[in-house]
Amino acid sequence: MQTHLITIGNSKGLRFSRTLLEQCGIIDDVELDVKNNEIIIRASSRKPREGWEKMFKDAYSKGKPEMLIPESIDLDWNELAE
């Protein structure tokens, strides 16, 4: 099957028909590999937010993480508008 690259800003892209995507089980994310000057596109095996639960449990097992941004920020919005 031959297709044409389309311009997307400074990049190039491909359009795939719905039929082709369904046939390959591609919904949103794909995995890309390059082997022997070929681009291999596969349906992503990762699930959205896969591994997040373990990361949160690991983070809290060491104690409550330090907040990077204070819960309440006292800002003078008038100063920011100037």
C-alpha atoms as a PDB file:
ATOM      1  CA  MET A   1       0.000   0.000   0.000  1.00  0.00           C
ATOM      2  CA  GLN A   2       1.406   3.376  -0.940  1.00  0.00           C
ATOM      3  CA  THR A   3       0.428   6.617   0.794  1.00  0.00           C
ATOM      4  CA  HIS A   4       1.456  10.268   0.753  1.00  0.00           C
ATOM      5  CA  LEU A   5       3.084  12.174   3.626  1.00  0.00           C
ATOM      6  CA  ILE A   6       1.193  15.276   4.745  1.00  0.00           C
ATOM      7  CA  THR A   7       2.779  18.408   6.202  1.00  0.00           C
ATOM      8  CA  ILE A   8       1.986  19.164   9.849  1.00  0.00           C
ATOM      9  CA  GLY A   9       3.885  22.319  10.839  1.00  0.00           C
ATOM     10  CA  ASN A  10       7.586  21.486  10.468  1.00  0.00           C
ATOM     11  CA  SER A  11       6.862  17.744  10.567  1.00  0.00           C
ATOM     12  CA  LYS A  12       5.337  15.150   8.286  1.00  0.00           C
ATOM     13  CA  GLY A  13       2.473  12.787   9.075  1.00  0.00           C
ATOM     14  CA  LEU A  14       0.476   9.891   7.691  1.00  0.00           C
ATOM     15  CA  ARG A  15      -3.291   9.465   7.489  1.00  0.00           C
ATOM     16  CA  PHE A  16      -4.697   5.999   8.078  1.00  0.00           C
ATOM     17  CA  SER A  17      -8.173   4.879   7.166  1.00  0.00           C
ATOM     18  CA  ARG A  18     -10.499   3.838   9.978  1.00  0.00           C
ATOM     19  CA  THR A  19     -10.671   0.355   8.450  1.00  0.00           C
ATOM     20  CA  LEU A  20      -6.896  -0.065   8.560  1.00  0.00           C
ATOM     21  CA  LEU A  21      -6.686   1.211  12.165  1.00  0.00           C
ATOM     22  CA  GLU A  22      -9.465  -1.137  13.291  1.00  0.00           C
ATOM     23  CA  GLN A  23      -7.825  -4.031  11.489  1.00  0.00           C
ATOM     24  CA  CYS A  24      -4.596  -3.373  13.436  1.00  0.00           C
ATOM     25  CA  GLY A  25      -6.331  -2.679  16.771  1.00  0.00           C
ATOM     26  CA  ILE A  26      -5.038   0.895  16.893  1.00  0.00           C
ATOM     27  CA  ILE A  27      -7.193   3.277  18.930  1.00  0.00           C
ATOM     28  CA  ASP A  28      -5.063   6.281  19.991  1.00  0.00           C
ATOM     29  CA  ASP A  29      -1.484   5.366  20.859  1.00  0.00           C
ATOM     30  CA  VAL A  30       1.057   3.453  18.818  1.00  0.00           C
ATOM     31  CA  GLU A  31       4.547   2.101  19.380  1.00  0.00           C
ATOM     32  CA  LEU A  32       7.199   2.918  16.785  1.00  0.00           C
ATOM     33  CA  ASP A  33      10.402   1.047  15.996  1.00  0.00           C
ATOM     34  CA  VAL A  34      12.988   1.613  13.307  1.00  0.00           C
ATOM     35  CA  LYS A  35      14.754  -1.475  11.941  1.00  0.00           C
ATOM     36  CA  ASN A  36      16.730  -1.755   8.713  1.00  0.00           C
ATOM     37  CA  ASN A  37      15.498   1.644   7.468  1.00  0.00           C
ATOM     38  CA  GLU A  38      11.864   0.626   8.037  1.00  0.00           C
ATOM     39  CA  ILE A  39       9.398   2.267  10.400  1.00  0.00           C
ATOM     40  CA  ILE A  40       7.338  -0.330  12.241  1.00  0.00           C
ATOM     41  CA  ILE A  41       4.033   0.897  13.698  1.00  0.00           C
ATOM     42  CA  ARG A  42       2.227  -1.278  16.292  1.00  0.00           C
ATOM     43  CA  ALA A  43      -0.836  -0.800  18.432  1.00  0.00           C
ATOM     44  CA  SER A  44       0.335   0.313  21.863  1.00  0.00           C
ATOM     45  CA  SER A  45       0.243  -2.422  24.452  1.00  0.00           C
ATOM     46  CA  ARG A  46       0.166   0.129  27.296  1.00  0.00           C
ATOM     47  CA  LYS A  47      -3.116   0.989  28.918  1.00  0.00           C
ATOM     48  CA  PRO A  48      -3.836   4.616  29.904  1.00  0.00           C
ATOM     49  CA  ARG A  49      -2.405   5.379  33.365  1.00  0.00           C
ATOM     50  CA  GLU A  50      -0.859   1.887  33.508  1.00  0.00           C
ATOM     51  CA  GLY A  51       1.454   1.676  36.513  1.00  0.00           C
ATOM     52  CA  TRP A  52       0.171   4.842  38.192  1.00  0.00           C
ATOM     53  CA  GLU A  53      -1.296   2.968  41.170  1.00  0.00           C
ATOM     54  CA  LYS A  54       2.050   1.347  41.969  1.00  0.00           C
ATOM     55  CA  MET A  55       3.907   4.655  41.570  1.00  0.00           C
ATOM     56  CA  PHE A  56       1.538   6.387  44.027  1.00  0.00           C
ATOM     57  CA  LYS A  57       1.785   3.533  46.530  1.00  0.00           C
ATOM     58  CA  ASP A  58       5.580   3.578  46.292  1.00  0.00           C
ATOM     59  CA  ALA A  59       5.686   7.359  46.739  1.00  0.00           C
ATOM     60  CA  TYR A  60       3.459   7.273  49.843  1.00  0.00           C
ATOM     61  CA  SER A  61       5.244   4.248  51.353  1.00  0.00           C
ATOM     62  CA  LYS A  62       8.201   6.580  52.013  1.00  0.00           C
ATOM     63  CA  GLY A  63       5.980   9.092  53.810  1.00  0.00           C
ATOM     64  CA  LYS A  64       3.798  11.869  52.503  1.00  0.00           C
ATOM     65  CA  PRO A  65       5.572  13.538  49.562  1.00  0.00           C
ATOM     66  CA  GLU A  66       6.594  17.178  49.917  1.00  0.00           C
ATOM     67  CA  MET A  67       4.310  19.562  48.043  1.00  0.00           C
ATOM     68  CA  LEU A  68       6.083  21.320  45.202  1.00  0.00           C
ATOM     69  CA  ILE A  69       3.535  24.141  45.194  1.00  0.00           C
ATOM     70  CA  PRO A  70       2.061  25.419  48.461  1.00  0.00           C
ATOM     71  CA  GLU A  71      -1.615  24.572  48.970  1.00  0.00           C
ATOM     72  CA  SER A  72      -2.455  28.235  49.377  1.00  0.00           C
ATOM     73  CA  ILE A  73      -0.597  30.853  47.420  1.00  0.00           C
ATOM     74  CA  ASP A  74      -1.002  34.456  48.514  1.00  0.00           C
ATOM     75  CA  LEU A  75      -0.820  36.441  45.290  1.00  0.00           C
ATOM     76  CA  ASP A  76      -1.601  40.078  44.630  1.00  0.00           C
ATOM     77  CA  TRP A  77      -3.405  39.714  41.294  1.00  0.00           C
ATOM     78  CA  ASN A  78      -3.261  43.493  40.750  1.00  0.00           C
ATOM     79  CA  GLU A  79       0.557  43.372  40.755  1.00  0.00           C
ATOM     80  CA  LEU A  80       0.529  40.519  38.252  1.00  0.00           C
ATOM     81  CA  ALA A  81      -1.764  42.447  35.894  1.00  0.00           C
ATOM     82  CA  GLU A  82       0.658  45.380  35.616  1.00  0.00           C
END
